[in-house]
PDB file of N, CA and C in Angstrom:
ATOM      1  N   MET A   1      18.151  20.437  85.515  1.00  0.00           N
ATOM      2  CA  MET A   1      18.599  20.586  84.186  1.00  0.00           C
ATOM      3  C   MET A   1      18.125  19.411  83.318  1.00  0.00           C
ATOM      4  N   LYS A   2      18.190  18.207  83.858  1.00  0.00           N
ATOM      5  CA  LYS A   2      17.723  17.045  83.136  1.00  0.00           C
ATOM      6  C   LYS A   2      16.245  17.204  82.796  1.00  0.00           C
ATOM      7  N   LYS A   3      15.514  17.755  83.750  1.00  0.00           N
ATOM      8  CA  LYS A   3      14.090  17.934  83.509  1.00  0.00           C
ATOM      9  C   LYS A   3      13.858  18.949  82.396  1.00  0.00           C
ATOM     10  N   LEU A   4      14.629  19.990  82.402  1.00  0.00           N
ATOM     11  CA  LEU A   4      14.489  21.016  81.368  1.00  0.00           C
ATOM     12  C   LEU A   4      14.852  20.458  80.002  1.00  0.00           C
ATOM     13  N   THR A   5      15.906  19.686  79.923  1.00  0.00           N
ATOM     14  CA  THR A   5      16.331  19.083  78.652  1.00  0.00           C
ATOM     15  C   THR A   5      15.285  18.082  78.177  1.00  0.00           C
ATOM     16  N   LEU A   6      14.799  17.286  79.111  1.00  0.00           N
ATOM     17  CA  LEU A   6      13.776  16.305  78.760  1.00  0.00           C
ATOM     18  C   LEU A   6      12.511  17.002  78.283  1.00  0.00           C
ATOM     19  N   LEU A   7      12.137  18.083  78.978  1.00  0.00           N
ATOM     20  CA  LEU A   7      10.955  18.852  78.600  1.00  0.00           C
ATOM     21  C   LEU A   7      11.148  19.493  77.231  1.00  0.00           C
ATOM     22  N   THR A   8      12.337  19.973  76.953  1.00  0.00           N
ATOM     23  CA  THR A   8      12.631  20.602  75.652  1.00  0.00           C
ATOM     24  C   THR A   8      12.569  19.569  74.535  1.00  0.00           C
ATOM     25  N   VAL A   9      13.167  18.415  74.771  1.00  0.00           N
ATOM     26  CA  VAL A   9      13.153  17.347  73.760  1.00  0.00           C
ATOM     27  C   VAL A   9      11.728  16.881  73.508  1.00  0.00           C
ATOM     28  N   LEU A  10      10.971  16.737  74.604  1.00  0.00           N
ATOM     29  CA  LEU A  10       9.584  16.305  74.484  1.00  0.00           C
ATOM     30  C   LEU A  10       8.755  17.338  73.728  1.00  0.00           C
ATOM     31  N   THR A  11       8.938  18.608  74.020  1.00  0.00           N
ATOM     32  CA  THR A  11       8.217  19.681  73.329  1.00  0.00           C
ATOM     33  C   THR A  11       8.594  19.720  71.856  1.00  0.00           C
ATOM     34  N   ALA A  12       9.872  19.578  71.561  1.00  0.00           N
ATOM     35  CA  ALA A  12      10.343  19.586  70.170  1.00  0.00           C
ATOM     36  C   ALA A  12       9.754  18.406  69.402  1.00  0.00           C
ATOM     37  N   THR A  13       9.690  17.268  70.049  1.00  0.00           N
ATOM     38  CA  THR A  13       9.120  16.080  69.403  1.00  0.00           C
ATOM     39  C   THR A  13       7.643  16.284  69.103  1.00  0.00           C
ATOM     40  N   MET A  14       6.931  16.846  70.041  1.00  0.00           N
ATOM     41  CA  MET A  14       5.497  17.090  69.847  1.00  0.00           C
ATOM     42  C   MET A  14       5.262  18.092  68.719  1.00  0.00           C
ATOM     43  N   LEU A  15       6.083  19.156  68.695  1.00  0.00           N
ATOM     44  CA  LEU A  15       5.930  20.150  67.632  1.00  0.00           C
ATOM     45  C   LEU A  15       6.252  19.550  66.260  1.00  0.00           C
ATOM     46  N   THR A  16       7.280  18.731  66.201  1.00  0.00           N
ATOM     47  CA  THR A  16       7.657  18.093  64.937  1.00  0.00           C
ATOM     48  C   THR A  16       6.543  17.173  64.457  1.00  0.00           C
ATOM     49  N   THR A  17       5.983  16.404  65.369  1.00  0.00           N
ATOM     50  CA  THR A  17       4.878  15.499  65.016  1.00  0.00           C
ATOM     51  C   THR A  17       3.665  16.293  64.551  1.00  0.00           C
ATOM     52  N   ALA A  18       3.346  17.378  65.282  1.00  0.00           N
ATOM     53  CA  ALA A  18       2.213  18.224  64.899  1.00  0.00           C
ATOM     54  C   ALA A  18       2.467  18.842  63.543  1.00  0.00           C
ATOM     55  N   SER A  19       3.680  19.267  63.305  1.00  0.00           N
ATOM     56  CA  SER A  19       4.035  19.865  62.017  1.00  0.00           C
ATOM     57  C   SER A  19       3.933  18.841  60.899  1.00  0.00           C
ATOM     58  N   ALA A  20       4.393  17.642  61.170  1.00  0.00           N
ATOM     59  CA  ALA A  20       4.316  16.575  60.156  1.00  0.00           C
ATOM     60  C   ALA A  20       2.873  16.230  59.858  1.00  0.00           C
ATOM     61  N   ASN A  21       2.059  16.146  60.912  1.00  0.00           N
ATOM     62  CA  ASN A  21       0.635  15.857  60.707  1.00  0.00           C
ATOM     63  C   ASN A  21      -0.023  16.968  59.911  1.00  0.00           C
ATOM     64  N   PHE A  22       0.309  18.205  60.231  1.00  0.00           N
ATOM     65  CA  PHE A  22      -0.265  19.334  59.512  1.00  0.00           C
ATOM     66  C   PHE A  22       0.174  19.305  58.053  1.00  0.00           C
ATOM     67  N   SER A  23       1.444  19.009  57.816  1.00  0.00           N
ATOM     68  CA  SER A  23       1.967  18.928  56.465  1.00  0.00           C
ATOM     69  C   SER A  23       1.261  17.811  55.695  1.00  0.00           C
ATOM     70  N   PHE A  24       1.064  16.681  56.362  1.00  0.00           N
ATOM     71  CA  PHE A  24       0.375  15.558  55.738  1.00  0.00           C
ATOM     72  C   PHE A  24      -1.045  15.957  55.367  1.00  0.00           C
ATOM     73  N   MET A  25      -1.739  16.647  56.281  1.00  0.00           N
ATOM     74  CA  MET A  25      -3.103  17.083  56.015  1.00  0.00           C
ATOM     75  C   MET A  25      -3.132  18.084  54.862  1.00  0.00           C
ATOM     76  N   GLY A  26      -2.139  18.967  54.830  1.00  0.00           N
ATOM     77  CA  GLY A  26      -2.071  19.939  53.743  1.00  0.00           C
ATOM     78  C   GLY A  26      -1.861  19.249  52.396  1.00  0.00           C
ATOM     79  N   ASP A  27      -0.960  18.252  52.367  1.00  0.00           N
ATOM     80  CA  ASP A  27      -0.728  17.493  51.137  1.00  0.00           C
ATOM     81  C   ASP A  27      -1.979  16.732  50.731  1.00  0.00           C
ATOM     82  N   MET A  28      -2.655  16.158  51.707  1.00  0.00           N
ATOM     83  CA  MET A  28      -3.871  15.408  51.410  1.00  0.00           C
ATOM     84  C   MET A  28      -4.939  16.330  50.832  1.00  0.00           C
ATOM     85  N   MET A  29      -5.073  17.521  51.386  1.00  0.00           N
ATOM     86  CA  MET A  29      -6.055  18.484  50.885  1.00  0.00           C
ATOM     87  C   MET A  29      -5.702  18.913  49.457  1.00  0.00           C
ATOM     88  N   ARG A  30      -4.399  19.145  49.214  1.00  0.00           N
ATOM     89  CA  ARG A  30      -3.950  19.518  47.882  1.00  0.00           C
ATOM     90  C   ARG A  30      -4.237  18.391  46.881  1.00  0.00           C
ATOM     91  N   ASP A  31      -3.958  17.157  47.299  1.00  0.00           N
ATOM     92  CA  ASP A  31      -4.217  16.007  46.431  1.00  0.00           C
ATOM     93  C   ASP A  31      -5.705  15.868  46.115  1.00  0.00           C
ATOM     94  N   MET A  32      -6.524  16.076  47.144  1.00  0.00           N
ATOM     95  CA  MET A  32      -7.977  15.995  46.927  1.00  0.00           C
ATOM     96  C   MET A  32      -8.440  17.105  45.995  1.00  0.00           C
ATOM     97  N   SER A  33      -7.886  18.292  46.167  1.00  0.00           N
ATOM     98  CA  SER A  33      -8.243  19.419  45.299  1.00  0.00           C
ATOM     99  C   SER A  33      -7.823  19.127  43.855  1.00  0.00           C
ATOM    100  N   ASP A  34      -6.611  18.602  43.684  1.00  0.00           N
ATOM    101  CA  ASP A  34      -6.135  18.256  42.332  1.00  0.00           C
ATOM    102  C   ASP A  34      -7.008  17.171  41.702  1.00  0.00           C
ATOM    103  N   ALA A  35      -7.384  16.189  42.507  1.00  0.00           N
ATOM    104  CA  ALA A  35      -8.239  15.110  42.004  1.00  0.00           C
ATOM    105  C   ALA A  35      -9.598  15.654  41.586  1.00  0.00           C
ATOM    106  N   ALA A  36     -10.150  16.580  42.374  1.00  0.00           N
ATOM    107  CA  ALA A  36     -11.447  17.174  42.041  1.00  0.00           C
ATOM    108  C   ALA A  36     -11.347  17.977  40.746  1.00  0.00           C
ATOM    109  N   LYS A  37     -10.253  18.719  40.573  1.00  0.00           N
ATOM    110  CA  LYS A  37     -10.062  19.497  39.348  1.00  0.00           C
ATOM    111  C   LYS A  37      -9.951  18.573  38.139  1.00  0.00           C
ATOM    112  N   GLU A  38      -9.203  17.472  38.308  1.00  0.00           N
ATOM    113  CA  GLU A  38      -9.029  16.522  37.214  1.00  0.00           C
ATOM    114  C   GLU A  38     -10.369  15.855  36.859  1.00  0.00           C
ATOM    115  N   MET A  39     -11.158  15.515  37.879  1.00  0.00           N
ATOM    116  CA  MET A  39     -12.470  14.916  37.620  1.00  0.00           C
ATOM    117  C   MET A  39     -13.368  15.895  36.873  1.00  0.00           C
ATOM    118  N   ARG A  40     -13.330  17.167  37.255  1.00  0.00           N
ATOM    119  CA  ARG A  40     -14.130  18.182  36.576  1.00  0.00           C
ATOM    120  C   ARG A  40     -13.705  18.313  35.121  1.00  0.00           C
ATOM    121  N   THR A  41     -12.394  18.329  34.869  1.00  0.00           N
ATOM    122  CA  THR A  41     -11.875  18.435  33.509  1.00  0.00           C
ATOM    123  C   THR A  41     -12.299  17.230  32.664  1.00  0.00           C
ATOM    124  N   GLU A  42     -12.176  16.030  33.243  1.00  0.00           N
ATOM    125  CA  GLU A  42     -12.571  14.834  32.516  1.00  0.00           C
ATOM    126  C   GLU A  42     -14.067  14.825  32.235  1.00  0.00           C
ATOM    127  N   ALA A  43     -14.857  15.266  33.193  1.00  0.00           N
ATOM    128  CA  ALA A  43     -16.311  15.317  33.001  1.00  0.00           C
ATOM    129  C   ALA A  43     -16.663  16.318  31.897  1.00  0.00           C
ATOM    130  N   THR A  44     -15.998  17.473  31.911  1.00  0.00           N
ATOM    131  CA  THR A  44     -16.241  18.488  30.884  1.00  0.00           C
ATOM    132  C   THR A  44     -15.857  17.952  29.506  1.00  0.00           C
ATOM    133  N   ASP A  45     -14.690  17.314  29.425  1.00  0.00           N
ATOM    134  CA  ASP A  45     -14.256  16.743  28.151  1.00  0.00           C
ATOM    135  C   ASP A  45     -15.223  15.663  27.678  1.00  0.00           C
ATOM    136  N   GLY A  46     -15.694  14.846  28.610  1.00  0.00           N
ATOM    137  CA  GLY A  46     -16.656  13.790  28.268  1.00  0.00           C
ATOM    138  C   GLY A  46     -17.948  14.378  27.728  1.00  0.00           C
ATOM    139  N   MET A  47     -18.427  15.439  28.347  1.00  0.00           N
ATOM    140  CA  MET A  47     -19.658  16.092  27.881  1.00  0.00           C
ATOM    141  C   MET A  47     -19.472  16.700  26.499  1.00  0.00           C
ATOM    142  N   LYS A  48     -18.315  17.319  26.280  1.00  0.00           N
ATOM    143  CA  LYS A  48     -18.039  17.901  24.967  1.00  0.00           C
ATOM    144  C   LYS A  48     -18.011  16.816  23.895  1.00  0.00           C
ATOM    145  N   GLU A  49     -17.390  15.683  24.219  1.00  0.00           N
ATOM    146  CA  GLU A  49     -17.306  14.573  23.274  1.00  0.00           C
ATOM    147  C   GLU A  49     -18.693  13.994  22.992  1.00  0.00           C
ATOM    148  N   MET A  50     -19.504  13.855  24.037  1.00  0.00           N
ATOM    149  CA  MET A  50     -20.867  13.347  23.838  1.00  0.00           C
ATOM    150  C   MET A  50     -21.672  14.303  22.969  1.00  0.00           C
ATOM    151  N   LYS A  51     -21.511  15.597  23.189  1.00  0.00           N
ATOM    152  CA  LYS A  51     -22.231  16.593  22.391  1.00  0.00           C
ATOM    153  C   LYS A  51     -21.798  16.504  20.944  1.00  0.00           C
ATOM    154  N   SER A  52     -20.503  16.399  20.719  1.00  0.00           N
ATOM    155  CA  SER A  52     -19.968  16.292  19.365  1.00  0.00           C
ATOM    156  C   SER A  52     -20.477  15.025  18.679  1.00  0.00           C
ATOM    157  N   ASP A  53     -20.463  13.906  19.408  1.00  0.00           N
ATOM    158  CA  ASP A  53     -20.954  12.644  18.845  1.00  0.00           C
ATOM    159  C   ASP A  53     -22.439  12.728  18.508  1.00  0.00           C
ATOM    160  N   THR A  54     -23.200  13.387  19.374  1.00  0.00           N
ATOM    161  CA  THR A  54     -24.640  13.541  19.135  1.00  0.00           C
ATOM    162  C   THR A  54     -24.896  14.380  17.892  1.00  0.00           C
ATOM    163  N   ILE A  55     -24.145  15.460  17.743  1.00  0.00           N
ATOM    164  CA  ILE A  55     -24.299  16.321  16.569  1.00  0.00           C
ATOM    165  C   ILE A  55     -23.930  15.555  15.307  1.00  0.00           C
ATOM    166  N   ASP A  56     -22.825  14.809  15.350  1.00  0.00           N
ATOM    167  CA  ASP A  56     -22.416  14.016  14.190  1.00  0.00           C
ATOM    168  C   ASP A  56     -23.473  12.981  13.833  1.00  0.00           C
ATOM    169  N   ALA A  57     -24.028  12.326  14.839  1.00  0.00           N
ATOM    170  CA  ALA A  57     -25.061  11.319  14.589  1.00  0.00           C
ATOM    171  C   ALA A  57     -26.304  11.968  13.981  1.00  0.00           C
ATOM    172  N   ALA A  58     -26.682  13.130  14.475  1.00  0.00           N
ATOM    173  CA  ALA A  58     -27.856  13.827  13.940  1.00  0.00           C
ATOM    174  C   ALA A  58     -27.631  14.220  12.482  1.00  0.00           C
ATOM    175  N   LYS A  59     -26.432  14.688  12.165  1.00  0.00           N
ATOM    176  CA  LYS A  59     -26.125  15.051  10.782  1.00  0.00           C
ATOM    177  C   LYS A  59     -26.189  13.830   9.876  1.00  0.00           C
ATOM    178  N   GLU A  60     -25.654  12.711  10.370  1.00  0.00           N
ATOM    179  CA  GLU A  60     -25.656  11.475   9.577  1.00  0.00           C
ATOM    180  C   GLU A  60     -27.085  10.985   9.344  1.00  0.00           C
ATOM    181  N   ILE A  61     -27.901  11.052  10.388  1.00  0.00           N
ATOM    182  CA  ILE A  61     -29.300  10.633  10.251  1.00  0.00           C
ATOM    183  C   ILE A  61     -30.020  11.527   9.251  1.00  0.00           C
ATOM    184  N   LYS A  62     -29.761  12.826   9.319  1.00  0.00           N
ATOM    185  CA  LYS A  62     -30.391  13.766   8.389  1.00  0.00           C
ATOM    186  C   LYS A  62     -29.978  13.451   6.957  1.00  0.00           C
ATOM    187  N   THR A  63     -28.691  13.225   6.744  1.00  0.00           N
ATOM    188  CA  THR A  63     -28.180  12.914   5.408  1.00  0.00           C
ATOM    189  C   THR A  63     -28.791  11.619   4.885  1.00  0.00           C
ATOM    190  N   GLU A  64     -28.827  10.592   5.751  1.00  0.00           N
ATOM    191  CA  GLU A  64     -29.406   9.319   5.329  1.00  0.00           C
ATOM    192  C   GLU A  64     -30.892   9.472   5.013  1.00  0.00           C
ATOM    193  N   GLY A  65     -31.591  10.272   5.786  1.00  0.00           N
ATOM    194  CA  GLY A  65     -33.013  10.514   5.536  1.00  0.00           C
ATOM    195  C   GLY A  65     -33.233  11.207   4.206  1.00  0.00           C
ATOM    196  N   ILE A  66     -32.410  12.202   3.910  1.00  0.00           N
ATOM    197  CA  ILE A  66     -32.528  12.915   2.641  1.00  0.00           C
ATOM    198  C   ILE A  66     -32.221  11.977   1.482  1.00  0.00           C
ATOM    199  N   ASP A  67     -31.160  11.177   1.627  1.00  0.00           N
ATOM    200  CA  ASP A  67     -30.809  10.224   0.569  1.00  0.00           C
ATOM    201  C   ASP A  67     -31.921   9.211   0.348  1.00  0.00           C
ATOM    202  N   ALA A  68     -32.500   8.721   1.434  1.00  0.00           N
ATOM    203  CA  ALA A  68     -33.588   7.753   1.321  1.00  0.00           C
ATOM    204  C   ALA A  68     -34.797   8.381   0.628  1.00  0.00           C
ATOM    205  N   ALA A  69     -35.104   9.628   0.978  1.00  0.00           N
ATOM    206  CA  ALA A  69     -36.239  10.313   0.356  1.00  0.00           C
ATOM    207  C   ALA A  69     -35.999  10.506  -1.135  1.00  0.00           C
ATOM    208  N   LYS A  70     -34.775  10.870  -1.499  1.00  0.00           N
ATOM    209  CA  LYS A  70     -34.454  11.035  -2.921  1.00  0.00           C
ATOM    210  C   LYS A  70     -34.590   9.713  -3.660  1.00  0.00           C
ATOM    211  N   GLU A  71     -34.133   8.635  -3.023  1.00  0.00           N
ATOM    212  CA  GLU A  71     -34.203   7.313  -3.655  1.00  0.00           C
ATOM    213  C   GLU A  71     -35.658   6.887  -3.844  1.00  0.00           C
ATOM    214  N   VAL A  72     -36.479   7.107  -2.820  1.00  0.00           N
ATOM    215  CA  VAL A  72     -37.893   6.756  -2.919  1.00  0.00           C
ATOM    216  C   VAL A  72     -38.563   7.570  -4.031  1.00  0.00           C
ATOM    217  N   LYS A  73     -38.237   8.855  -4.088  1.00  0.00           N
ATOM    218  CA  LYS A  73     -38.807   9.714  -5.129  1.00  0.00           C
ATOM    219  C   LYS A  73     -38.396   9.221  -6.503  1.00  0.00           C
ATOM    220  N   SER A  74     -37.123   8.911  -6.657  1.00  0.00           N
ATOM    221  CA  SER A  74     -36.605   8.434  -7.937  1.00  0.00           C
ATOM    222  C   SER A  74     -37.268   7.127  -8.335  1.00  0.00           C
ATOM    223  N   GLU A  75     -37.366   6.203  -7.381  1.00  0.00           N
ATOM    224  CA  GLU A  75     -38.004   4.924  -7.670  1.00  0.00           C
ATOM    225  C   GLU A  75     -39.478   5.114  -8.008  1.00  0.00           C
ATOM    226  N   GLY A  76     -40.133   6.045  -7.335  1.00  0.00           N
ATOM    227  CA  GLY A  76     -41.542   6.326  -7.626  1.00  0.00           C
ATOM    228  C   GLY A  76     -41.712   6.861  -9.038  1.00  0.00           C
ATOM    229  N   ILE A  77     -40.832   7.791  -9.414  1.00  0.00           N
ATOM    230  CA  ILE A  77     -40.905   8.364 -10.760  1.00  0.00           C
ATOM    231  C   ILE A  77     -40.618   7.288 -11.798  1.00  0.00           C
ATOM    232  N   ASP A  78     -39.590   6.477 -11.549  1.00  0.00           N
ATOM    233  CA  ASP A  78     -39.263   5.392 -12.478  1.00  0.00           C
ATOM    234  C   ASP A  78     -40.413   4.401 -12.572  1.00  0.00           C
ATOM    235  N   GLY A  79     -41.056   4.109 -11.449  1.00  0.00           N
ATOM    236  CA  GLY A  79     -42.197   3.184 -11.447  1.00  0.00           C
ATOM    237  C   GLY A  79     -43.351   3.728 -12.263  1.00  0.00           C
ATOM    238  N   VAL A  80     -43.621   5.023 -12.118  1.00  0.00           N
ATOM    239  CA  VAL A  80     -44.710   5.642 -12.883  1.00  0.00           C
ATOM    240  C   VAL A  80     -44.376   5.616 -14.377  1.00  0.00           C
ATOM    241  N   LYS A  81     -43.115   5.904 -14.710  1.00  0.00           N
ATOM    242  CA  LYS A  81     -42.708   5.859 -16.118  1.00  0.00           C
ATOM    243  C   LYS A  81     -42.861   4.453 -16.687  1.00  0.00           C
ATOM    244  N   ASP A  82     -42.456   3.446 -15.891  1.00  0.00           N
ATOM    245  CA  ASP A  82     -42.599   2.059 -16.345  1.00  0.00           C
ATOM    246  C   ASP A  82     -44.069   1.701 -16.556  1.00  0.00           C
ATOM    247  N   MET A  83     -44.920   2.141 -15.620  1.00  0.00           N
ATOM    248  CA  MET A  83     -46.356   1.865 -15.763  1.00  0.00           C
ATOM    249  C   MET A  83     -46.911   2.552 -17.006  1.00  0.00           C
ATOM    250  N   LYS A  84     -46.488   3.778 -17.260  1.00  0.00           N
ATOM    251  CA  LYS A  84     -46.944   4.518 -18.438  1.00  0.00           C
ATOM    252  C   LYS A  84     -46.526   3.778 -19.711  1.00  0.00           C
ATOM    253  N   ASP A  85     -45.257   3.339 -19.745  1.00  0.00           N
ATOM    254  CA  ASP A  85     -44.764   2.601 -20.908  1.00  0.00           C
ATOM    255  C   ASP A  85     -45.545   1.305 -21.100  1.00  0.00           C
ATOM    256  N   ASP A  86     -45.803   0.599 -20.007  1.00  0.00           N
ATOM    257  CA  ASP A  86     -46.563  -0.655 -20.084  1.00  0.00           C
ATOM    258  C   ASP A  86     -47.981  -0.409 -20.602  1.00  0.00           C
ATOM    259  N   LEU A  87     -48.606   0.652 -20.103  1.00  0.00           N
ATOM    260  CA  LEU A  87     -49.961   0.980 -20.566  1.00  0.00           C
ATOM    261  C   LEU A  87     -49.965   1.369 -22.043  1.00  0.00           C
ATOM    262  N   ASN A  88     -48.957   2.140 -22.462  1.00  0.00           N
ATOM    263  CA  ASN A  88     -48.869   2.516 -23.879  1.00  0.00           C
ATOM    264  C   ASN A  88     -48.665   1.286 -24.748  1.00  0.00           C
ATOM    265  N   ASP A  89     -47.805   0.373 -24.300  1.00  0.00           N
ATOM    266  CA  ASP A  89     -47.576  -0.866 -25.048  1.00  0.00           C
ATOM    267  C   ASP A  89     -48.857  -1.693 -25.134  1.00  0.00           C
ATOM    268  N   ALA A  90     -49.574  -1.784 -24.011  1.00  0.00           N
ATOM    269  CA  ALA A  90     -50.820  -2.550 -23.990  1.00  0.00           C
ATOM    270  C   ALA A  90     -51.859  -1.914 -24.904  1.00  0.00           C
ATOM    271  N   ALA A  91     -51.929  -0.583 -24.888  1.00  0.00           N
ATOM    272  CA  ALA A  91     -52.884   0.113 -25.753  1.00  0.00           C
ATOM    273  C   ALA A  91     -52.524  -0.097 -27.225  1.00  0.00           C
ATOM    274  N   GLU A  92     -51.243  -0.051 -27.546  1.00  0.00           N
ATOM    275  CA  GLU A  92     -50.785  -0.256 -28.921  1.00  0.00           C
ATOM    276  C   GLU A  92     -51.127  -1.677 -29.392  1.00  0.00           C
ATOM    277  N   GLU A  93     -50.877  -2.646 -28.498  1.00  0.00           N
ATOM    278  CA  GLU A  93     -51.199  -4.033 -28.837  1.00  0.00           C
ATOM    279  C   GLU A  93     -52.697  -4.212 -29.029  1.00  0.00           C
ATOM    280  N   ALA A  94     -53.497  -3.600 -28.150  1.00  0.00           N
ATOM    281  CA  ALA A  94     -54.954  -3.701 -28.273  1.00  0.00           C
ATOM    282  C   ALA A  94     -55.419  -3.074 -29.584  1.00  0.00           C
ATOM    283  N   LYS A  95     -54.810  -1.944 -29.938  1.00  0.00           N
ATOM    284  CA  LYS A  95     -55.160  -1.264 -31.193  1.00  0.00           C
ATOM    285  C   LYS A  95     -54.819  -2.159 -32.388  1.00  0.00           C
ATOM    286  N   ASP A  96     -53.591  -2.748 -32.341  1.00  0.00           N
ATOM    287  CA  ASP A  96     -53.175  -3.633 -33.436  1.00  0.00           C
ATOM    288  C   ASP A  96     -54.084  -4.861 -33.523  1.00  0.00           C
ATOM    289  N   ASP A  97     -54.415  -5.445 -32.367  1.00  0.00           N
ATOM    290  CA  ASP A  97     -55.296  -6.607 -32.350  1.00  0.00           C
ATOM    291  C   ASP A  97     -56.674  -6.258 -32.894  1.00  0.00           C
ATOM    292  N   ALA A  98     -57.203  -5.107 -32.501  1.00  0.00           N
ATOM    293  CA  ALA A  98     -58.521  -4.686 -32.981  1.00  0.00           C
ATOM    294  C   ALA A  98     -58.483  -4.443 -34.482  1.00  0.00           C
ATOM    295  N   SER A  99     -57.397  -3.838 -34.952  1.00  0.00           N
ATOM    296  CA  SER A  99     -57.260  -3.574 -36.386  1.00  0.00           C
ATOM    297  C   SER A  99     -57.173  -4.889 -37.156  1.00  0.00           C
ATOM    298  N   ASP A 100     -56.377  -5.833 -36.626  1.00  0.00           N
ATOM    299  CA  ASP A 100     -56.255  -7.138 -37.273  1.00  0.00           C
ATOM    300  C   ASP A 100     -57.597  -7.860 -37.293  1.00  0.00           C
ATOM    301  N   THR A 101     -58.315  -7.801 -36.178  1.00  0.00           N
ATOM    302  CA  THR A 101     -59.620  -8.466 -36.101  1.00  0.00           C
ATOM    303  C   THR A 101     -60.601  -7.832 -37.083  1.00  0.00           C
ATOM    304  N   ALA A 102     -60.560  -6.521 -37.168  1.00  0.00           N
ATOM    305  CA  ALA A 102     -61.458  -5.825 -38.104  1.00  0.00           C
ATOM    306  C   ALA A 102     -61.110  -6.203 -39.541  1.00  0.00           C
ATOM    307  N   SER A 103     -59.821  -6.256 -39.850  1.00  0.00           N
ATOM    308  CA  SER A 103     -59.409  -6.637 -41.202  1.00  0.00           C
ATOM    309  C   SER A 103     -59.827  -8.072 -41.502  1.00  0.00           C
ATOM    310  N   GLU A 104     -59.627  -8.953 -40.530  1.00  0.00           N
ATOM    311  CA  GLU A 104     -60.028 -10.349 -40.732  1.00  0.00           C
ATOM    312  C   GLU A 104     -61.538 -10.458 -40.917  1.00  0.00           C
ATOM    313  N   THR A 105     -62.285  -9.665 -40.158  1.00  0.00           N
ATOM    314  CA  THR A 105     -63.748  -9.689 -40.266  1.00  0.00           C
ATOM    315  C   THR A 105     -64.185  -9.203 -41.636  1.00  0.00           C
ATOM    316  N   VAL A 106     -63.561  -8.125 -42.108  1.00  0.00           N
ATOM    317  CA  VAL A 106     -63.893  -7.593 -43.440  1.00  0.00           C
ATOM    318  C   VAL A 106     -63.569  -8.643 -44.506  1.00  0.00           C
ATOM    319  N   ASP A 107     -62.389  -9.249 -44.379  1.00  0.00           N
ATOM    320  CA  ASP A 107     -61.996 -10.269 -45.356  1.00  0.00           C
ATOM    321  C   ASP A 107     -62.951 -11.455 -45.322  1.00  0.00           C
ATOM    322  N   LYS A 108     -63.316 -11.891 -44.123  1.00  0.00           N
ATOM    323  CA  LYS A 108     -64.223 -13.035 -43.987  1.00  0.00           C
ATOM    324  C   LYS A 108     -65.586 -12.692 -44.539  1.00  0.00           C
ATOM    325  N   THR A 109     -66.019 -11.450 -44.302  1.00  0.00           N
ATOM    326  CA  THR A 109     -67.322 -11.014 -44.805  1.00  0.00           C
ATOM    327  C   THR A 109     -67.315 -11.023 -46.324  1.00  0.00           C
ATOM    328  N   LYS A 110     -66.247 -10.562 -46.923  1.00  0.00           N
ATOM    329  CA  LYS A 110     -66.144 -10.557 -48.392  1.00  0.00           C
ATOM    330  C   LYS A 110     -66.184 -11.983 -48.929  1.00  0.00           C
ATOM    331  N   GLU A 111     -65.467 -12.868 -48.235  1.00  0.00           N
ATOM    332  CA  GLU A 111     -65.454 -14.262 -48.665  1.00  0.00           C
ATOM    333  C   GLU A 111     -66.847 -14.863 -48.604  1.00  0.00           C
ATOM    334  N   LEU A 112     -67.544 -14.565 -47.520  1.00  0.00           N
ATOM    335  CA  LEU A 112     -68.898 -15.110 -47.367  1.00  0.00           C
ATOM    336  C   LEU A 112     -69.848 -14.539 -48.417  1.00  0.00           C
ATOM    337  N   LYS A 113     -69.690 -13.272 -48.747  1.00  0.00           N
ATOM    338  CA  LYS A 113     -70.541 -12.665 -49.777  1.00  0.00           C
ATOM    339  C   LYS A 113     -70.287 -13.304 -51.118  1.00  0.00           C
ATOM    340  N   GLU A 114     -69.007 -13.535 -51.401  1.00  0.00           N
ATOM    341  CA  GLU A 114     -68.667 -14.135 -52.693  1.00  0.00           C
ATOM    342  C   GLU A 114     -69.176 -15.570 -52.753  1.00  0.00           C
ATOM    343  N   GLU A 115     -69.101 -16.291 -51.656  1.00  0.00           N
ATOM    344  CA  GLU A 115     -69.608 -17.654 -51.631  1.00  0.00           C
ATOM    345  C   GLU A 115     -71.116 -17.654 -51.750  1.00  0.00           C
ATOM    346  N   ALA A 116     -71.731 -16.653 -51.130  1.00  0.00           N
ATOM    347  CA  ALA A 116     -73.190 -16.578 -51.211  1.00  0.00           C
ATOM    348  C   ALA A 116     -73.650 -16.283 -52.629  1.00  0.00           C
ATOM    349  N   LYS A 117     -72.889 -15.573 -53.396  1.00  0.00           N
ATOM    350  CA  LYS A 117     -73.251 -15.220 -54.775  1.00  0.00           C
ATOM    351  C   LYS A 117     -73.153 -16.447 -55.657  1.00  0.00           C
ATOM    352  N   LYS A 118     -72.367 -17.395 -55.334  1.00  0.00           N
ATOM    353  CA  LYS A 118     -72.163 -18.562 -56.163  1.00  0.00           C
ATOM    354  C   LYS A 118     -73.274 -19.499 -56.063  1.00  0.00           C
TER     355      LYS A 118
END
């Protein structure tokens, strides 16, 4: 009877240990599965965020490029207008100077003719 009781206790202990080990392995597998799912979710979220950031950066670069092109165009047009105004001013001054020189020449010529007559 002692042997039977000892054998029963020993068998029960072995089954309990095996059950505990199996339960531990099951929990470990569940934990690993949960960790893998969480890693996948985080990776997916990270990729979505990177895609969103890339799109935002591309839009910003496009906007800045368009603004820069408009500014260059505007400055170019303003520069051409300034050059045109400068050329017109220079032409007007040259015309006035030529007219003044011609008038002075005519006046000087008249003076010389009158002096020559004397």
